[in-house]
Amino acid sequence: MKPGDRLPDVIFHTRIRDASIGGPNPFRWNETTTSDYFAGKRVVLFSLPGAFTPTCSTFQLPEFEEAAAEMAELGIDEIYCLSVNDAFVMNQWARSQELKNVKVIPDGSGEFTARVGMLVRKDNLGFGARSWRYAAIVDDGVVERLFVEPGKCDNHPEDPYGESSPQAILAYLRDRARAAA
């Protein structure tokens, strides 16, 4: 994945609330496509190794949630957090984080992550296949700018975080806004 690339067409297996179902689990499966998420919008997509993990839950996801209003002012329509986790895990993580602005995308099989070249092995941590930490600004399905943590490789001994932070994305968006003014 690089600037100018169109995101791959993938079906994400999501769960959505459906009031007609009733009962304690009023959700149904929904096939959501890449186009459903990205067509006609300018979005920030960030991906991380796993829901409920320390850096992801303590810093990255909450910081994007806090940055959402300024990102919207700078022309971002949506903020998506993607992880190689299933819909059940991603929905519970979003709920536990009390998200109002960031939407989660489950890439349970890692198909999207593999097709954008960000799938890595994290067997050294017992995680298996996961996403490398990155962020992208995507305009109508095309990568405008990519922010990738350094050292991408299988079984990386560390968990770098900084290049894909909301602060890095905001700096880029502010610079573009100043240049356009």
C-alpha atoms as a PDB file:
ATOM      1  CA  MET A   1       0.000   0.000   0.000  1.00  0.00           C
ATOM      2  CA  LYS A   2       1.278   3.420  -0.969  1.00  0.00           C
ATOM      3  CA  PRO A   3      -0.168   6.847  -1.807  1.00  0.00           C
ATOM      4  CA  GLY A   4      -2.203   6.637  -4.989  1.00  0.00           C
ATOM      5  CA  ASP A   5      -3.221   2.995  -4.457  1.00  0.00           C
ATOM      6  CA  ARG A   6      -6.897   2.088  -4.438  1.00  0.00           C
ATOM      7  CA  LEU A   7      -7.890  -0.012  -1.439  1.00  0.00           C
ATOM      8  CA  PRO A   8      -8.682  -3.646  -2.293  1.00  0.00           C
ATOM      9  CA  ASP A   9     -12.298  -4.758  -2.591  1.00  0.00           C
ATOM     10  CA  VAL A  10     -12.977  -6.929   0.441  1.00  0.00           C
ATOM     11  CA  ILE A  11     -16.046  -8.096   2.329  1.00  0.00           C
ATOM     12  CA  PHE A  12     -15.831  -7.462   6.078  1.00  0.00           C
ATOM     13  CA  HIS A  13     -18.044  -9.745   8.172  1.00  0.00           C
ATOM     14  CA  THR A  14     -19.619  -7.372  10.671  1.00  0.00           C
ATOM     15  CA  ARG A  15     -22.361  -7.596  13.268  1.00  0.00           C
ATOM     16  CA  ILE A  16     -25.012  -4.879  13.427  1.00  0.00           C
ATOM     17  CA  ARG A  17     -27.837  -4.221  15.848  1.00  0.00           C
ATOM     18  CA  ASP A  18     -31.220  -5.274  14.480  1.00  0.00           C
ATOM     19  CA  ALA A  19     -34.200  -4.368  16.693  1.00  0.00           C
ATOM     20  CA  SER A  20     -36.416  -6.868  14.862  1.00  0.00           C
ATOM     21  CA  ILE A  21     -34.405  -9.740  16.341  1.00  0.00           C
ATOM     22  CA  GLY A  22     -35.111  -8.951  20.007  1.00  0.00           C
ATOM     23  CA  GLY A  23     -33.729 -10.922  22.914  1.00  0.00           C
ATOM     24  CA  PRO A  24     -30.378 -10.550  24.665  1.00  0.00           C
ATOM     25  CA  ASN A  25     -28.342 -10.603  21.430  1.00  0.00           C
ATOM     26  CA  PRO A  26     -30.180  -8.415  18.883  1.00  0.00           C
ATOM     27  CA  PHE A  27     -27.431  -8.509  16.251  1.00  0.00           C
ATOM     28  CA  ARG A  28     -27.207 -10.004  12.793  1.00  0.00           C
ATOM     29  CA  TRP A  29     -24.374 -10.672  10.412  1.00  0.00           C
ATOM     30  CA  ASN A  30     -23.792  -8.044   7.759  1.00  0.00           C
ATOM     31  CA  GLU A  31     -21.414  -8.126   4.822  1.00  0.00           C
ATOM     32  CA  THR A  32     -19.868  -4.662   4.627  1.00  0.00           C
ATOM     33  CA  THR A  33     -17.638  -3.886   1.657  1.00  0.00           C
ATOM     34  CA  THR A  34     -14.616  -1.670   1.214  1.00  0.00           C
ATOM     35  CA  SER A  35     -16.866   0.660  -0.824  1.00  0.00           C
ATOM     36  CA  ASP A  36     -19.411   0.822   2.003  1.00  0.00           C
ATOM     37  CA  TYR A  37     -16.707   2.202   4.270  1.00  0.00           C
ATOM     38  CA  PHE A  38     -14.670   4.373   1.918  1.00  0.00           C
ATOM     39  CA  ALA A  39     -16.639   5.440  -1.182  1.00  0.00           C
ATOM     40  CA  GLY A  40     -17.291   9.168  -1.390  1.00  0.00           C
ATOM     41  CA  LYS A  41     -15.587   9.967   1.926  1.00  0.00           C
ATOM     42  CA  ARG A  42     -12.247  11.226   3.159  1.00  0.00           C
ATOM     43  CA  VAL A  43     -11.344   9.050   6.117  1.00  0.00           C
ATOM     44  CA  VAL A  44      -8.584   8.224   8.535  1.00  0.00           C
ATOM     45  CA  LEU A  45      -7.980   4.494   8.720  1.00  0.00           C
ATOM     46  CA  PHE A  46      -5.692   3.237  11.447  1.00  0.00           C
ATOM     47  CA  SER A  47      -4.797  -0.339  12.137  1.00  0.00           C
ATOM     48  CA  LEU A  48      -3.218  -1.948  15.134  1.00  0.00           C
ATOM     49  CA  PRO A  49      -2.145  -5.359  16.416  1.00  0.00           C
ATOM     50  CA  GLY A  50      -5.152  -6.173  18.560  1.00  0.00           C
ATOM     51  CA  ALA A  51      -8.211  -5.117  20.465  1.00  0.00           C
ATOM     52  CA  PHE A  52      -7.806  -4.925  24.250  1.00  0.00           C
ATOM     53  CA  THR A  53      -3.987  -4.782  24.005  1.00  0.00           C
ATOM     54  CA  PRO A  54      -2.137  -2.198  26.145  1.00  0.00           C
ATOM     55  CA  THR A  55      -0.847   0.395  23.638  1.00  0.00           C
ATOM     56  CA  CYS A  56      -3.956   0.088  21.481  1.00  0.00           C
ATOM     57  CA  SER A  57      -6.407   0.473  24.384  1.00  0.00           C
ATOM     58  CA  THR A  58      -4.479   2.952  26.528  1.00  0.00           C
ATOM     59  CA  PHE A  59      -3.126   5.302  23.881  1.00  0.00           C
ATOM     60  CA  GLN A  60      -3.948   4.807  20.206  1.00  0.00           C
ATOM     61  CA  LEU A  61      -7.721   4.270  20.187  1.00  0.00           C
ATOM     62  CA  PRO A  62      -8.521   6.842  22.926  1.00  0.00           C
ATOM     63  CA  GLU A  63      -6.234   9.428  21.304  1.00  0.00           C
ATOM     64  CA  PHE A  64      -8.026   9.061  17.959  1.00  0.00           C
ATOM     65  CA  GLU A  65     -11.371   9.359  19.743  1.00  0.00           C
ATOM     66  CA  GLU A  66     -10.178  12.615  21.358  1.00  0.00           C
ATOM     67  CA  ALA A  67      -8.822  13.969  18.042  1.00  0.00           C
ATOM     68  CA  ALA A  68     -12.033  13.323  16.098  1.00  0.00           C
ATOM     69  CA  ALA A  69     -13.506  16.830  16.352  1.00  0.00           C
ATOM     70  CA  GLU A  70     -10.361  18.520  15.059  1.00  0.00           C
ATOM     71  CA  MET A  71      -9.991  15.921  12.307  1.00  0.00           C
ATOM     72  CA  ALA A  72     -13.568  16.652  11.228  1.00  0.00           C
ATOM     73  CA  GLU A  73     -12.768  20.377  11.100  1.00  0.00           C
ATOM     74  CA  LEU A  74      -9.817  19.517   8.858  1.00  0.00           C
ATOM     75  CA  GLY A  75     -11.956  17.615   6.340  1.00  0.00           C
ATOM     76  CA  ILE A  76     -12.143  14.066   7.688  1.00  0.00           C
ATOM     77  CA  ASP A  77     -15.589  12.442   7.363  1.00  0.00           C
ATOM     78  CA  GLU A  78     -14.952   9.246   9.337  1.00  0.00           C
ATOM     79  CA  ILE A  79     -12.291   7.606  11.496  1.00  0.00           C
ATOM     80  CA  TYR A  80     -11.972   3.825  11.295  1.00  0.00           C
ATOM     81  CA  CYS A  81      -9.973   1.498  13.511  1.00  0.00           C
ATOM     82  CA  LEU A  82      -9.188  -1.831  11.841  1.00  0.00           C
ATOM     83  CA  SER A  83      -7.727  -4.897  13.493  1.00  0.00           C
ATOM     84  CA  VAL A  84      -7.300  -8.569  12.673  1.00  0.00           C
ATOM     85  CA  ASN A  85      -9.961  -9.485  15.213  1.00  0.00           C
ATOM     86  CA  ASP A  86     -13.479 -10.799  14.676  1.00  0.00           C
ATOM     87  CA  ALA A  87     -16.652  -8.681  14.837  1.00  0.00           C
ATOM     88  CA  PHE A  88     -17.552  -9.900  18.339  1.00  0.00           C
ATOM     89  CA  VAL A  89     -14.220  -8.783  19.783  1.00  0.00           C
ATOM     90  CA  MET A  90     -14.188  -5.467  17.910  1.00  0.00           C
ATOM     91  CA  ASN A  91     -17.746  -4.601  18.972  1.00  0.00           C
ATOM     92  CA  GLN A  92     -17.049  -5.389  22.627  1.00  0.00           C
ATOM     93  CA  TRP A  93     -13.824  -3.394  22.504  1.00  0.00           C
ATOM     94  CA  ALA A  94     -15.647  -0.387  21.018  1.00  0.00           C
ATOM     95  CA  ARG A  95     -18.273  -0.721  23.732  1.00  0.00           C
ATOM     96  CA  SER A  96     -15.692  -0.947  26.527  1.00  0.00           C
ATOM     97  CA  GLN A  97     -13.895   2.131  25.151  1.00  0.00           C
ATOM     98  CA  GLU A  98     -17.225   4.022  24.995  1.00  0.00           C
ATOM     99  CA  LEU A  99     -16.526   5.131  21.432  1.00  0.00           C
ATOM    100  CA  LYS A 100     -18.660   7.914  20.005  1.00  0.00           C
ATOM    101  CA  ASN A 101     -16.546   8.995  17.023  1.00  0.00           C
ATOM    102  CA  VAL A 102     -14.262   6.165  15.936  1.00  0.00           C
ATOM    103  CA  LYS A 103     -15.877   3.205  14.176  1.00  0.00           C
ATOM    104  CA  VAL A 104     -14.305  -0.238  14.280  1.00  0.00           C
ATOM    105  CA  ILE A 105     -13.742  -2.559  11.326  1.00  0.00           C
ATOM    106  CA  PRO A 106     -13.207  -6.272  12.006  1.00  0.00           C
ATOM    107  CA  ASP A 107     -10.767  -7.968   9.629  1.00  0.00           C
ATOM    108  CA  GLY A 108     -11.182 -11.349  11.281  1.00  0.00           C
ATOM    109  CA  SER A 109      -9.489 -13.397   8.578  1.00  0.00           C
ATOM    110  CA  GLY A 110      -6.851 -10.745   7.869  1.00  0.00           C
ATOM    111  CA  GLU A 111      -7.786 -10.629   4.176  1.00  0.00           C
ATOM    112  CA  PHE A 112      -7.776  -6.828   3.879  1.00  0.00           C
ATOM    113  CA  THR A 113      -4.610  -6.547   5.977  1.00  0.00           C
ATOM    114  CA  ALA A 114      -2.815  -9.121   3.812  1.00  0.00           C
ATOM    115  CA  ARG A 115      -3.936  -7.460   0.574  1.00  0.00           C
ATOM    116  CA  VAL A 116      -2.567  -4.066   1.669  1.00  0.00           C
ATOM    117  CA  GLY A 117       0.732  -5.699   2.670  1.00  0.00           C
ATOM    118  CA  MET A 118       0.448  -5.104   6.415  1.00  0.00           C
ATOM    119  CA  LEU A 119      -0.104  -8.646   7.733  1.00  0.00           C
ATOM    120  CA  VAL A 120       2.698  -9.797  10.039  1.00  0.00           C
ATOM    121  CA  ARG A 121       3.226 -12.749  12.334  1.00  0.00           C
ATOM    122  CA  LYS A 122       3.271 -12.053  16.048  1.00  0.00           C
ATOM    123  CA  ASP A 123       3.801 -15.633  17.188  1.00  0.00           C
ATOM    124  CA  ASN A 124       6.469 -14.405  19.601  1.00  0.00           C
ATOM    125  CA  LEU A 125       3.568 -12.915  21.606  1.00  0.00           C
ATOM    126  CA  GLY A 126       1.114 -15.741  20.959  1.00  0.00           C
ATOM    127  CA  PHE A 127      -1.004 -13.532  18.678  1.00  0.00           C
ATOM    128  CA  GLY A 128      -0.543 -15.311  15.331  1.00  0.00           C
ATOM    129  CA  ALA A 129      -1.258 -13.210  12.230  1.00  0.00           C
ATOM    130  CA  ARG A 130      -1.954  -9.545  13.005  1.00  0.00           C
ATOM    131  CA  SER A 131      -1.754  -6.128  11.450  1.00  0.00           C
ATOM    132  CA  TRP A 132       1.358  -4.024  11.574  1.00  0.00           C
ATOM    133  CA  ARG A 133       0.567  -0.653  13.152  1.00  0.00           C
ATOM    134  CA  TYR A 134      -0.178   1.984  10.487  1.00  0.00           C
ATOM    135  CA  ALA A 135      -2.563   4.787   9.602  1.00  0.00           C
ATOM    136  CA  ALA A 136      -3.707   6.189   6.278  1.00  0.00           C
ATOM    137  CA  ILE A 137      -5.736   9.052   4.989  1.00  0.00           C
ATOM    138  CA  VAL A 138      -8.019   7.607   2.332  1.00  0.00           C
ATOM    139  CA  ASP A 139      -9.966   9.794  -0.097  1.00  0.00           C
ATOM    140  CA  ASP A 140     -12.799   8.003  -1.914  1.00  0.00           C
ATOM    141  CA  GLY A 141     -11.017   4.669  -1.567  1.00  0.00           C
ATOM    142  CA  VAL A 142      -7.590   5.936  -2.682  1.00  0.00           C
ATOM    143  CA  VAL A 143      -4.664   6.263  -0.278  1.00  0.00           C
ATOM    144  CA  GLU A 144      -3.735   9.938   0.042  1.00  0.00           C
ATOM    145  CA  ARG A 145      -1.061   9.584   2.723  1.00  0.00           C
ATOM    146  CA  LEU A 146       0.372   6.613   4.620  1.00  0.00           C
ATOM    147  CA  PHE A 147       1.883   6.583   8.125  1.00  0.00           C
ATOM    148  CA  VAL A 148       3.691   3.313   8.947  1.00  0.00           C
ATOM    149  CA  GLU A 149       5.584   2.421  12.094  1.00  0.00           C
ATOM    150  CA  PRO A 150       9.252   1.596  11.438  1.00  0.00           C
ATOM    151  CA  GLY A 151      10.697  -1.912  11.420  1.00  0.00           C
ATOM    152  CA  LYS A 152       7.782  -3.851   9.929  1.00  0.00           C
ATOM    153  CA  CYS A 153       8.646  -7.548  10.164  1.00  0.00           C
ATOM    154  CA  ASP A 154       7.352 -10.794  11.565  1.00  0.00           C
ATOM    155  CA  ASN A 155       7.792 -11.320  15.312  1.00  0.00           C
ATOM    156  CA  HIS A 156       9.114  -7.827  15.936  1.00  0.00           C
ATOM    157  CA  PRO A 157      10.442  -7.716  19.519  1.00  0.00           C
ATOM    158  CA  GLU A 158       8.897  -4.271  20.162  1.00  0.00           C
ATOM    159  CA  ASP A 159       5.622  -2.497  19.482  1.00  0.00           C
ATOM    160  CA  PRO A 160       6.544   0.854  17.925  1.00  0.00           C
ATOM    161  CA  TYR A 161       3.966   3.626  18.140  1.00  0.00           C
ATOM    162  CA  GLY A 162       4.373   7.226  17.030  1.00  0.00           C
ATOM    163  CA  GLU A 163       4.357   7.470  13.229  1.00  0.00           C
ATOM    164  CA  SER A 164       0.725   6.317  13.091  1.00  0.00           C
ATOM    165  CA  SER A 165      -0.462   8.405  16.040  1.00  0.00           C
ATOM    166  CA  PRO A 166      -3.309  10.900  15.728  1.00  0.00           C
ATOM    167  CA  GLN A 167      -0.780  13.635  16.470  1.00  0.00           C
ATOM    168  CA  ALA A 168       1.123  12.696  13.276  1.00  0.00           C
ATOM    169  CA  ILE A 169      -2.083  12.665  11.239  1.00  0.00           C
ATOM    170  CA  LEU A 170      -3.188  16.016  12.700  1.00  0.00           C
ATOM    171  CA  ALA A 171       0.196  17.583  11.872  1.00  0.00           C
ATOM    172  CA  TYR A 172      -0.220  16.472   8.245  1.00  0.00           C
ATOM    173  CA  LEU A 173      -3.835  17.709   8.066  1.00  0.00           C
ATOM    174  CA  ARG A 174      -2.930  21.074   9.624  1.00  0.00           C
ATOM    175  CA  ASP A 175      -0.049  21.540   7.173  1.00  0.00           C
ATOM    176  CA  ARG A 176      -2.357  20.791   4.216  1.00  0.00           C
ATOM    177  CA  ALA A 177      -4.968  23.213   5.540  1.00  0.00           C
ATOM    178  CA  ARG A 178      -2.342  25.978   5.902  1.00  0.00           C
ATOM    179  CA  ALA A 179      -0.999  25.295   2.409  1.00  0.00           C
ATOM    180  CA  ALA A 180      -4.508  25.471   0.942  1.00  0.00           C
ATOM    181  CA  ALA A 181      -5.365  28.737   2.740  1.00  0.00           C
END
